[in-house]
C-alpha atoms as a PDB file:
ATOM      1  CA  MET A   1     179.616  38.876 149.494  1.00  0.00           C
ATOM      2  CA  LYS A   2     180.421  37.536 152.812  1.00  0.00           C
ATOM      3  CA  ASP A   3     180.320  40.951 154.522  1.00  0.00           C
ATOM      4  CA  ILE A   4     176.879  41.740 153.824  1.00  0.00           C
ATOM      5  CA  GLU A   5     175.924  38.400 154.757  1.00  0.00           C
ATOM      6  CA  LYS A   6     177.870  38.950 158.474  1.00  0.00           C
ATOM      7  CA  LYS A   7     176.033  42.002 158.640  1.00  0.00           C
ATOM      8  CA  GLY A   8     172.283  40.486 157.821  1.00  0.00           C
ATOM      9  CA  TRP A   9     171.839  42.493 154.950  1.00  0.00           C
ATOM     10  CA  LEU A  10     169.903  40.601 152.034  1.00  0.00           C
ATOM     11  CA  PRO A  11     171.066  40.626 148.640  1.00  0.00           C
ATOM     12  CA  ILE A  12     169.493  42.683 146.037  1.00  0.00           C
ATOM     13  CA  GLU A  13     167.632  40.341 143.710  1.00  0.00           C
ATOM     14  CA  ILE A  14     166.120  38.901 147.073  1.00  0.00           C
ATOM     15  CA  CYS A  15     164.854  42.338 147.616  1.00  0.00           C
ATOM     16  CA  ASP A  16     163.568  42.992 143.991  1.00  0.00           C
ATOM     17  CA  MET A  17     161.450  39.501 144.330  1.00  0.00           C
ATOM     18  CA  ALA A  18     159.751  40.300 147.942  1.00  0.00           C
ATOM     19  CA  MET A  19     159.228  43.726 146.181  1.00  0.00           C
ATOM     20  CA  MET A  20     157.418  42.356 143.106  1.00  0.00           C
ATOM     21  CA  ALA A  21     155.799  39.971 144.952  1.00  0.00           C
ATOM     22  CA  MET A  22     154.426  42.830 146.940  1.00  0.00           C
ATOM     23  CA  LYS A  23     153.283  44.738 144.123  1.00  0.00           C
ATOM     24  CA  LYS A  24     151.462  41.616 141.996  1.00  0.00           C
ATOM     25  CA  GLU A  25     149.242  41.181 145.467  1.00  0.00           C
ATOM     26  CA  SER A  26     148.688  44.813 145.676  1.00  0.00           C
ATOM     27  CA  ASP A  27     147.659  44.903 141.699  1.00  0.00           C
ATOM     28  CA  VAL A  28     145.439  42.015 142.918  1.00  0.00           C
ATOM     29  CA  ALA A  29     143.923  43.947 145.425  1.00  0.00           C
ATOM     30  CA  ILE A  30     143.188  46.856 143.224  1.00  0.00           C
ATOM     31  CA  GLN A  31     141.340  45.218 140.673  1.00  0.00           C
ATOM     32  CA  GLU A  32     139.140  43.113 143.065  1.00  0.00           C
ATOM     33  CA  GLN A  33     138.094  46.440 144.540  1.00  0.00           C
ATOM     34  CA  ALA A  34     137.926  48.036 141.355  1.00  0.00           C
ATOM     35  CA  GLU A  35     135.431  44.926 140.160  1.00  0.00           C
ATOM     36  CA  ARG A  36     133.377  45.812 143.539  1.00  0.00           C
ATOM     37  CA  ILE A  37     133.154  49.052 142.666  1.00  0.00           C
ATOM     38  CA  LYS A  38     131.388  48.297 139.563  1.00  0.00           C
ATOM     39  CA  ALA A  39     129.248  45.797 141.137  1.00  0.00           C
ATOM     40  CA  LEU A  40     128.009  48.378 143.404  1.00  0.00           C
ATOM     41  CA  GLU A  41     127.429  51.302 140.729  1.00  0.00           C
ATOM     42  CA  GLU A  42     125.630  48.389 138.573  1.00  0.00           C
ATOM     43  CA  ALA A  43     123.566  47.396 141.471  1.00  0.00           C
ATOM     44  CA  GLY A  44     122.908  51.195 142.285  1.00  0.00           C
ATOM     45  CA  ASN A  45     121.661  51.962 139.297  1.00  0.00           C
ATOM     46  CA  ARG A  46     119.509  49.391 138.809  1.00  0.00           C
ATOM     47  CA  LEU A  47     117.960  50.152 142.250  1.00  0.00           C
ATOM     48  CA  ALA A  48     117.370  53.584 141.457  1.00  0.00           C
ATOM     49  CA  LEU A  49     115.782  53.008 138.022  1.00  0.00           C
ATOM     50  CA  LEU A  50     113.238  50.408 139.134  1.00  0.00           C
ATOM     51  CA  MET A  51     112.422  53.082 142.263  1.00  0.00           C
ATOM     52  CA  THR A  52     110.784  54.841 140.177  1.00  0.00           C
ATOM     53  CA  ASN A  53     109.958  52.845 137.107  1.00  0.00           C
ATOM     54  CA  GLY A  54     109.704  49.451 138.941  1.00  0.00           C
ATOM     55  CA  THR A  55     107.452  47.197 140.232  1.00  0.00           C
ATOM     56  CA  MET A  56     107.658  46.092 144.527  1.00  0.00           C
ATOM     57  CA  SER A  57     108.999  42.620 143.499  1.00  0.00           C
ATOM     58  CA  GLU A  58     111.255  44.448 140.986  1.00  0.00           C
ATOM     59  CA  ILE A  59     112.891  46.961 143.768  1.00  0.00           C
ATOM     60  CA  ARG A  60     112.984  44.320 146.570  1.00  0.00           C
ATOM     61  CA  GLN A  61     114.933  41.915 144.584  1.00  0.00           C
ATOM     62  CA  ALA A  62     117.325  44.963 143.245  1.00  0.00           C
ATOM     63  CA  LEU A  63     117.490  46.420 146.806  1.00  0.00           C
ATOM     64  CA  TRP A  64     118.411  42.416 148.431  1.00  0.00           C
ATOM     65  CA  SER A  65     121.078  42.519 145.455  1.00  0.00           C
ATOM     66  CA  TRP A  66     122.515  45.851 146.869  1.00  0.00           C
ATOM     67  CA  ARG A  67     122.611  44.539 150.559  1.00  0.00           C
ATOM     68  CA  GLU A  68     124.453  41.656 149.337  1.00  0.00           C
ATOM     69  CA  LEU A  69     127.148  43.725 147.677  1.00  0.00           C
ATOM     70  CA  ASN A  70     127.061  46.432 150.515  1.00  0.00           C
ATOM     71  CA  PRO A  71     126.328  44.209 154.049  1.00  0.00           C
ATOM     72  CA  LYS A  72     124.725  47.037 156.401  1.00  0.00           C
ATOM     73  CA  LYS A  73     127.527  47.496 159.338  1.00  0.00           C
ATOM     74  CA  LYS A  74     127.247  47.024 163.360  1.00  0.00           C
ATOM     75  CA  ASP A  75     126.767  49.618 165.632  1.00  0.00           C
ATOM     76  CA  ASP A  76     128.921  48.467 168.335  1.00  0.00           C
ATOM     77  CA  SER A  77     128.402  51.715 170.533  1.00  0.00           C
ATOM     78  CA  ASN A  78     124.782  50.488 171.399  1.00  0.00           C
ATOM     79  CA  GLY A  79     125.793  47.298 173.542  1.00  0.00           C
END
């Protein structure tokens, strides 16, 4: 064990704990993305339905909900 510490290596337990922490963070990020995608799908479906059958006020509200989830990207090339 002393030879490992002299060479600057980490004990396997510390490596395992670090890997588990990274996996947990990754799982949380994946879950957050899945929730965002589901919300975007629901807002898009609602907007599509209202565009064929809804009133203008309903469409505006649905469009606003969509834009809150998916804001317009700024184009930096024009200025």
